[in-house]
């Protein structure tokens, strides 16, 4: 089943512990 984010993850990077950090831009549900 889909995993729901609270943001639009426009970028992503690997972390040392195997997790992923994601971030949006401007707003949590929009960009620009």
ModelCIF file with pLDDT and N, C-alpha, C, O atoms, coordinates in Angstrom:
data_MODEL
#
_entry.id   MODEL 
#
_entity.id                         1 
_entity.type                       polymer 
_entity.pdbx_number_of_molecules   1 
#
_entity_poly.entity_id                      1 
_entity_poly.type                           'polypeptide(L)' 
_entity_poly.nstd_linkage                   no 
_entity_poly.nstd_monomer                   no 
_entity_poly.pdbx_seq_one_letter_code       
;(UNK)(UNK)(UNK)(UNK)(UNK)(UNK)(UNK)(UNK)(UNK)(UNK)(UNK)(UNK)(UNK)(UNK)(UNK)(UNK)
(UNK)(UNK)(UNK)(UNK)(UNK)(UNK)(UNK)(UNK)(UNK)(UNK)(UNK)(UNK)(UNK)(UNK)(UNK)(UNK)
;
_entity_poly.pdbx_seq_one_letter_code_can   XXXXXXXXXXXXXXXXXXXXXXXXXXXXXXXX 
_entity_poly.pdbx_strand_id                 A 
#
loop_
_entity_poly_seq.entity_id 
_entity_poly_seq.num 
_entity_poly_seq.mon_id 
_entity_poly_seq.hetero 
1 1  UNK n 
1 2  UNK n 
1 3  UNK n 
1 4  UNK n 
1 5  UNK n 
1 6  UNK n 
1 7  UNK n 
1 8  UNK n 
1 9  UNK n 
1 10 UNK n 
1 11 UNK n 
1 12 UNK n 
1 13 UNK n 
1 14 UNK n 
1 15 UNK n 
1 16 UNK n 
1 17 UNK n 
1 18 UNK n 
1 19 UNK n 
1 20 UNK n 
1 21 UNK n 
1 22 UNK n 
1 23 UNK n 
1 24 UNK n 
1 25 UNK n 
1 26 UNK n 
1 27 UNK n 
1 28 UNK n 
1 29 UNK n 
1 30 UNK n 
1 31 UNK n 
1 32 UNK n 
#
_struct_asym.id          A 
_struct_asym.entity_id   1 
#
loop_
_ma_qa_metric.id 
_ma_qa_metric.mode 
_ma_qa_metric.name 
_ma_qa_metric.software_group_id 
_ma_qa_metric.type 
1 global pLDDT . pLDDT 
2 local  pLDDT . pLDDT 
#
_ma_qa_metric_global.metric_id      1 
_ma_qa_metric_global.metric_value   87.28 
_ma_qa_metric_global.model_id       1 
_ma_qa_metric_global.ordinal_id     1 
#
loop_
_ma_qa_metric_local.label_asym_id 
_ma_qa_metric_local.label_comp_id 
_ma_qa_metric_local.label_seq_id 
_ma_qa_metric_local.metric_id 
_ma_qa_metric_local.metric_value 
_ma_qa_metric_local.model_id 
_ma_qa_metric_local.ordinal_id 
A UNK 1  2 81.00 1 1  
A UNK 2  2 84.00 1 2  
A UNK 3  2 86.00 1 3  
A UNK 4  2 89.00 1 4  
A UNK 5  2 91.00 1 5  
A UNK 6  2 91.00 1 6  
A UNK 7  2 92.00 1 7  
A UNK 8  2 89.00 1 8  
A UNK 9  2 88.00 1 9  
A UNK 10 2 86.00 1 10 
A UNK 11 2 92.00 1 11 
A UNK 12 2 95.00 1 12 
A UNK 13 2 97.00 1 13 
A UNK 14 2 97.00 1 14 
A UNK 15 2 97.00 1 15 
A UNK 16 2 96.00 1 16 
A UNK 17 2 95.00 1 17 
A UNK 18 2 95.00 1 18 
A UNK 19 2 96.00 1 19 
A UNK 20 2 97.00 1 20 
A UNK 21 2 97.00 1 21 
A UNK 22 2 96.00 1 22 
A UNK 23 2 94.00 1 23 
A UNK 24 2 87.00 1 24 
A UNK 25 2 76.00 1 25 
A UNK 26 2 73.00 1 26 
A UNK 27 2 76.00 1 27 
A UNK 28 2 79.00 1 28 
A UNK 29 2 78.00 1 29 
A UNK 30 2 72.00 1 30 
A UNK 31 2 67.00 1 31 
A UNK 32 2 64.00 1 32 
#
loop_
_atom_site.group_PDB 
_atom_site.id 
_atom_site.type_symbol 
_atom_site.label_atom_id 
_atom_site.label_alt_id 
_atom_site.label_comp_id 
_atom_site.label_asym_id 
_atom_site.label_entity_id 
_atom_site.label_seq_id 
_atom_site.pdbx_PDB_ins_code 
_atom_site.Cartn_x 
_atom_site.Cartn_y 
_atom_site.Cartn_z 
_atom_site.occupancy 
_atom_site.B_iso_or_equiv 
_atom_site.pdbx_formal_charge 
_atom_site.auth_seq_id 
_atom_site.auth_comp_id 
_atom_site.auth_asym_id 
_atom_site.auth_atom_id 
_atom_site.pdbx_PDB_model_num 
ATOM 1   N N  . UNK A 1 1  ? 0.833  -1.207 0.000  1.00 81.00 ? 1  UNK A N  1 
ATOM 2   C CA . UNK A 1 1  ? 0.000  0.000  0.000  1.00 81.00 ? 1  UNK A CA 1 
ATOM 3   C C  . UNK A 1 1  ? 0.869  1.258  0.000  1.00 81.00 ? 1  UNK A C  1 
ATOM 4   O O  . UNK A 1 1  ? 1.998  1.230  0.489  1.00 81.00 ? 1  UNK A O  1 
ATOM 5   N N  . UNK A 1 2  ? 0.358  2.344  -0.537 1.00 84.00 ? 2  UNK A N  1 
ATOM 6   C CA . UNK A 1 2  ? 1.139  3.574  -0.654 1.00 84.00 ? 2  UNK A CA 1 
ATOM 7   C C  . UNK A 1 2  ? 1.517  4.130  0.718  1.00 84.00 ? 2  UNK A C  1 
ATOM 8   O O  . UNK A 1 2  ? 0.782  3.973  1.693  1.00 84.00 ? 2  UNK A O  1 
ATOM 9   N N  . UNK A 1 3  ? 2.662  4.772  0.773  1.00 86.00 ? 3  UNK A N  1 
ATOM 10  C CA . UNK A 1 3  ? 3.151  5.439  1.985  1.00 86.00 ? 3  UNK A CA 1 
ATOM 11  C C  . UNK A 1 3  ? 2.955  6.932  1.783  1.00 86.00 ? 3  UNK A C  1 
ATOM 12  O O  . UNK A 1 3  ? 3.498  7.504  0.837  1.00 86.00 ? 3  UNK A O  1 
ATOM 13  N N  . UNK A 1 4  ? 2.202  7.559  2.640  1.00 89.00 ? 4  UNK A N  1 
ATOM 14  C CA . UNK A 1 4  ? 1.787  8.946  2.437  1.00 89.00 ? 4  UNK A CA 1 
ATOM 15  C C  . UNK A 1 4  ? 2.752  9.904  3.132  1.00 89.00 ? 4  UNK A C  1 
ATOM 16  O O  . UNK A 1 4  ? 2.997  9.790  4.333  1.00 89.00 ? 4  UNK A O  1 
ATOM 17  N N  . UNK A 1 5  ? 3.292  10.841 2.370  1.00 91.00 ? 5  UNK A N  1 
ATOM 18  C CA . UNK A 1 5  ? 4.109  11.928 2.918  1.00 91.00 ? 5  UNK A CA 1 
ATOM 19  C C  . UNK A 1 5  ? 3.217  13.125 3.249  1.00 91.00 ? 5  UNK A C  1 
ATOM 20  O O  . UNK A 1 5  ? 2.124  13.267 2.700  1.00 91.00 ? 5  UNK A O  1 
ATOM 21  N N  . UNK A 1 6  ? 3.693  13.978 4.147  1.00 91.00 ? 6  UNK A N  1 
ATOM 22  C CA . UNK A 1 6  ? 3.006  15.228 4.444  1.00 91.00 ? 6  UNK A CA 1 
ATOM 23  C C  . UNK A 1 6  ? 3.559  16.387 3.631  1.00 91.00 ? 6  UNK A C  1 
ATOM 24  O O  . UNK A 1 6  ? 3.124  17.527 3.794  1.00 91.00 ? 6  UNK A O  1 
ATOM 25  N N  . UNK A 1 7  ? 4.517  16.099 2.756  1.00 92.00 ? 7  UNK A N  1 
ATOM 26  C CA . UNK A 1 7  ? 5.110  17.129 1.917  1.00 92.00 ? 7  UNK A CA 1 
ATOM 27  C C  . UNK A 1 7  ? 5.227  16.578 0.491  1.00 92.00 ? 7  UNK A C  1 
ATOM 28  O O  . UNK A 1 7  ? 5.020  15.388 0.251  1.00 92.00 ? 7  UNK A O  1 
ATOM 29  N N  . UNK A 1 8  ? 5.561  17.466 -0.442 1.00 89.00 ? 8  UNK A N  1 
ATOM 30  C CA . UNK A 1 8  ? 5.955  17.039 -1.785 1.00 89.00 ? 8  UNK A CA 1 
ATOM 31  C C  . UNK A 1 8  ? 7.482  16.918 -1.757 1.00 89.00 ? 8  UNK A C  1 
ATOM 32  O O  . UNK A 1 8  ? 8.169  17.939 -1.779 1.00 89.00 ? 8  UNK A O  1 
ATOM 33  N N  . UNK A 1 9  ? 8.030  15.706 -1.709 1.00 88.00 ? 9  UNK A N  1 
ATOM 34  C CA . UNK A 1 9  ? 9.484  15.550 -1.542 1.00 88.00 ? 9  UNK A CA 1 
ATOM 35  C C  . UNK A 1 9  ? 10.223 15.765 -2.859 1.00 88.00 ? 9  UNK A C  1 
ATOM 36  O O  . UNK A 1 9  ? 10.524 14.811 -3.575 1.00 88.00 ? 9  UNK A O  1 
ATOM 37  N N  . UNK A 1 10 ? 10.513 17.033 -3.171 1.00 86.00 ? 10 UNK A N  1 
ATOM 38  C CA . UNK A 1 10 ? 11.127 17.347 -4.456 1.00 86.00 ? 10 UNK A CA 1 
ATOM 39  C C  . UNK A 1 10 ? 12.609 16.980 -4.499 1.00 86.00 ? 10 UNK A C  1 
ATOM 40  O O  . UNK A 1 10 ? 13.194 16.917 -5.581 1.00 86.00 ? 10 UNK A O  1 
ATOM 41  N N  . UNK A 1 11 ? 13.223 16.738 -3.348 1.00 92.00 ? 11 UNK A N  1 
ATOM 42  C CA . UNK A 1 11 ? 14.630 16.328 -3.309 1.00 92.00 ? 11 UNK A CA 1 
ATOM 43  C C  . UNK A 1 11 ? 14.817 15.314 -2.195 1.00 92.00 ? 11 UNK A C  1 
ATOM 44  O O  . UNK A 1 11 ? 14.038 15.265 -1.243 1.00 92.00 ? 11 UNK A O  1 
ATOM 45  N N  . UNK A 1 12 ? 15.875 14.495 -2.327 1.00 95.00 ? 12 UNK A N  1 
ATOM 46  C CA . UNK A 1 12 ? 16.065 13.380 -1.398 1.00 95.00 ? 12 UNK A CA 1 
ATOM 47  C C  . UNK A 1 12 ? 17.548 13.051 -1.314 1.00 95.00 ? 12 UNK A C  1 
ATOM 48  O O  . UNK A 1 12 ? 18.279 13.212 -2.291 1.00 95.00 ? 12 UNK A O  1 
ATOM 49  N N  . UNK A 1 13 ? 17.993 12.591 -0.153 1.00 97.00 ? 13 UNK A N  1 
ATOM 50  C CA . UNK A 1 13 ? 19.395 12.195 0.021  1.00 97.00 ? 13 UNK A CA 1 
ATOM 51  C C  . UNK A 1 13 ? 19.481 11.048 1.008  1.00 97.00 ? 13 UNK A C  1 
ATOM 52  O O  . UNK A 1 13 ? 18.655 10.929 1.913  1.00 97.00 ? 13 UNK A O  1 
ATOM 53  N N  . UNK A 1 14 ? 20.499 10.194 0.825  1.00 97.00 ? 14 UNK A N  1 
ATOM 54  C CA . UNK A 1 14 ? 20.727 9.066  1.731  1.00 97.00 ? 14 UNK A CA 1 
ATOM 55  C C  . UNK A 1 14 ? 21.384 9.529  3.019  1.00 97.00 ? 14 UNK A C  1 
ATOM 56  O O  . UNK A 1 14 ? 22.253 10.401 3.007  1.00 97.00 ? 14 UNK A O  1 
ATOM 57  N N  . UNK A 1 15 ? 20.959 8.935  4.139  1.00 97.00 ? 15 UNK A N  1 
ATOM 58  C CA . UNK A 1 15 ? 21.582 9.193  5.432  1.00 97.00 ? 15 UNK A CA 1 
ATOM 59  C C  . UNK A 1 15 ? 22.391 7.965  5.871  1.00 97.00 ? 15 UNK A C  1 
ATOM 60  O O  . UNK A 1 15 ? 22.122 6.859  5.402  1.00 97.00 ? 15 UNK A O  1 
ATOM 61  N N  . UNK A 1 16 ? 23.370 8.140  6.757  1.00 96.00 ? 16 UNK A N  1 
ATOM 62  C CA . UNK A 1 16 ? 24.246 7.021  7.134  1.00 96.00 ? 16 UNK A CA 1 
ATOM 63  C C  . UNK A 1 16 ? 23.525 5.835  7.762  1.00 96.00 ? 16 UNK A C  1 
ATOM 64  O O  . UNK A 1 16 ? 24.008 4.707  7.661  1.00 96.00 ? 16 UNK A O  1 
ATOM 65  N N  . UNK A 1 17 ? 22.386 6.058  8.404  1.00 95.00 ? 17 UNK A N  1 
ATOM 66  C CA . UNK A 1 17 ? 21.685 4.967  9.090  1.00 95.00 ? 17 UNK A CA 1 
ATOM 67  C C  . UNK A 1 17 ? 20.693 4.236  8.191  1.00 95.00 ? 17 UNK A C  1 
ATOM 68  O O  . UNK A 1 17 ? 19.917 3.412  8.674  1.00 95.00 ? 17 UNK A O  1 
ATOM 69  N N  . UNK A 1 18 ? 20.709 4.525  6.891  1.00 95.00 ? 18 UNK A N  1 
ATOM 70  C CA . UNK A 1 18 ? 19.802 3.856  5.964  1.00 95.00 ? 18 UNK A CA 1 
ATOM 71  C C  . UNK A 1 18 ? 18.506 4.593  5.728  1.00 95.00 ? 18 UNK A C  1 
ATOM 72  O O  . UNK A 1 18 ? 17.741 4.220  4.839  1.00 95.00 ? 18 UNK A O  1 
ATOM 73  N N  . UNK A 1 19 ? 18.238 5.638  6.505  1.00 96.00 ? 19 UNK A N  1 
ATOM 74  C CA . UNK A 1 19 ? 17.040 6.450  6.278  1.00 96.00 ? 19 UNK A CA 1 
ATOM 75  C C  . UNK A 1 19 ? 17.297 7.414  5.128  1.00 96.00 ? 19 UNK A C  1 
ATOM 76  O O  . UNK A 1 19 ? 18.429 7.565  4.667  1.00 96.00 ? 19 UNK A O  1 
ATOM 77  N N  . UNK A 1 20 ? 16.228 8.066  4.671  1.00 97.00 ? 20 UNK A N  1 
ATOM 78  C CA . UNK A 1 20 ? 16.303 9.047  3.602  1.00 97.00 ? 20 UNK A CA 1 
ATOM 79  C C  . UNK A 1 20 ? 15.730 10.364 4.097  1.00 97.00 ? 20 UNK A C  1 
ATOM 80  O O  . UNK A 1 20 ? 14.654 10.397 4.694  1.00 97.00 ? 20 UNK A O  1 
ATOM 81  N N  . UNK A 1 21 ? 16.451 11.446 3.848  1.00 97.00 ? 21 UNK A N  1 
ATOM 82  C CA . UNK A 1 21 ? 15.909 12.758 4.183  1.00 97.00 ? 21 UNK A CA 1 
ATOM 83  C C  . UNK A 1 21 ? 15.324 13.359 2.915  1.00 97.00 ? 21 UNK A C  1 
ATOM 84  O O  . UNK A 1 21 ? 15.978 13.377 1.872  1.00 97.00 ? 21 UNK A O  1 
ATOM 85  N N  . UNK A 1 22 ? 14.100 13.848 3.000  1.00 96.00 ? 22 UNK A N  1 
ATOM 86  C CA . UNK A 1 22 ? 13.426 14.474 1.862  1.00 96.00 ? 22 UNK A CA 1 
ATOM 87  C C  . UNK A 1 22 ? 13.010 15.880 2.274  1.00 96.00 ? 22 UNK A C  1 
ATOM 88  O O  . UNK A 1 22 ? 12.804 16.164 3.454  1.00 96.00 ? 22 UNK A O  1 
ATOM 89  N N  . UNK A 1 23 ? 12.892 16.746 1.285  1.00 94.00 ? 23 UNK A N  1 
ATOM 90  C CA . UNK A 1 23 ? 12.422 18.092 1.600  1.00 94.00 ? 23 UNK A CA 1 
ATOM 91  C C  . UNK A 1 23 ? 11.642 18.666 0.436  1.00 94.00 ? 23 UNK A C  1 
ATOM 92  O O  . UNK A 1 23 ? 11.849 18.303 -0.722 1.00 94.00 ? 23 UNK A O  1 
ATOM 93  N N  . UNK A 1 24 ? 10.727 19.585 0.781  1.00 87.00 ? 24 UNK A N  1 
ATOM 94  C CA . UNK A 1 24 ? 9.947  20.283 -0.228 1.00 87.00 ? 24 UNK A CA 1 
ATOM 95  C C  . UNK A 1 24 ? 10.532 21.678 -0.394 1.00 87.00 ? 24 UNK A C  1 
ATOM 96  O O  . UNK A 1 24 ? 11.567 22.004 0.187  1.00 87.00 ? 24 UNK A O  1 
ATOM 97  N N  . UNK A 1 25 ? 9.863  22.488 -1.184 1.00 76.00 ? 25 UNK A N  1 
ATOM 98  C CA . UNK A 1 25 ? 10.374 23.809 -1.495 1.00 76.00 ? 25 UNK A CA 1 
ATOM 99  C C  . UNK A 1 25 ? 9.224  24.805 -1.469 1.00 76.00 ? 25 UNK A C  1 
ATOM 100 O O  . UNK A 1 25 ? 8.215  24.604 -2.144 1.00 76.00 ? 25 UNK A O  1 
ATOM 101 N N  . UNK A 1 26 ? 9.365  25.854 -0.711 1.00 73.00 ? 26 UNK A N  1 
ATOM 102 C CA . UNK A 1 26 ? 8.391  26.932 -0.534 1.00 73.00 ? 26 UNK A CA 1 
ATOM 103 C C  . UNK A 1 26 ? 7.253  26.524 0.392  1.00 73.00 ? 26 UNK A C  1 
ATOM 104 O O  . UNK A 1 26 ? 7.137  27.057 1.495  1.00 73.00 ? 26 UNK A O  1 
ATOM 105 N N  . UNK A 1 27 ? 6.401  25.576 -0.045 1.00 76.00 ? 27 UNK A N  1 
ATOM 106 C CA . UNK A 1 27 ? 5.310  25.091 0.789  1.00 76.00 ? 27 UNK A CA 1 
ATOM 107 C C  . UNK A 1 27 ? 5.426  23.580 0.932  1.00 76.00 ? 27 UNK A C  1 
ATOM 108 O O  . UNK A 1 27 ? 6.148  22.934 0.172  1.00 76.00 ? 27 UNK A O  1 
ATOM 109 N N  . UNK A 1 28 ? 4.719  23.019 1.899  1.00 79.00 ? 28 UNK A N  1 
ATOM 110 C CA . UNK A 1 28 ? 4.793  21.573 2.068  1.00 79.00 ? 28 UNK A CA 1 
ATOM 111 C C  . UNK A 1 28 ? 4.089  20.827 0.945  1.00 79.00 ? 28 UNK A C  1 
ATOM 112 O O  . UNK A 1 28 ? 4.379  19.656 0.700  1.00 79.00 ? 28 UNK A O  1 
ATOM 113 N N  . UNK A 1 29 ? 3.159  21.499 0.256  1.00 78.00 ? 29 UNK A N  1 
ATOM 114 C CA . UNK A 1 29 ? 2.401  20.830 -0.795 1.00 78.00 ? 29 UNK A CA 1 
ATOM 115 C C  . UNK A 1 29 ? 2.526  21.515 -2.148 1.00 78.00 ? 29 UNK A C  1 
ATOM 116 O O  . UNK A 1 29 ? 1.705  21.283 -3.036 1.00 78.00 ? 29 UNK A O  1 
ATOM 117 N N  . UNK A 1 30 ? 3.536  22.351 -2.316 1.00 72.00 ? 30 UNK A N  1 
ATOM 118 C CA . UNK A 1 30 ? 3.728  23.058 -3.572 1.00 72.00 ? 30 UNK A CA 1 
ATOM 119 C C  . UNK A 1 30 ? 5.205  23.442 -3.677 1.00 72.00 ? 30 UNK A C  1 
ATOM 120 O O  . UNK A 1 30 ? 5.968  23.253 -2.730 1.00 72.00 ? 30 UNK A O  1 
ATOM 121 N N  . UNK A 1 31 ? 5.605  23.984 -4.840 1.00 67.00 ? 31 UNK A N  1 
ATOM 122 C CA . UNK A 1 31 ? 6.982  24.419 -4.993 1.00 67.00 ? 31 UNK A CA 1 
ATOM 123 C C  . UNK A 1 31 ? 7.030  25.651 -5.875 1.00 67.00 ? 31 UNK A C  1 
ATOM 124 O O  . UNK A 1 31 ? 6.039  26.021 -6.504 1.00 67.00 ? 31 UNK A O  1 
ATOM 125 N N  . UNK A 1 32 ? 8.192  26.279 -5.912 1.00 64.00 ? 32 UNK A N  1 
ATOM 126 C CA . UNK A 1 32 ? 8.364  27.485 -6.708 1.00 64.00 ? 32 UNK A CA 1 
ATOM 127 C C  . UNK A 1 32 ? 8.463  28.707 -5.832 1.00 64.00 ? 32 UNK A C  1 
ATOM 128 O O  . UNK A 1 32 ? 8.611  29.819 -6.338 1.00 64.00 ? 32 UNK A O  1 
#
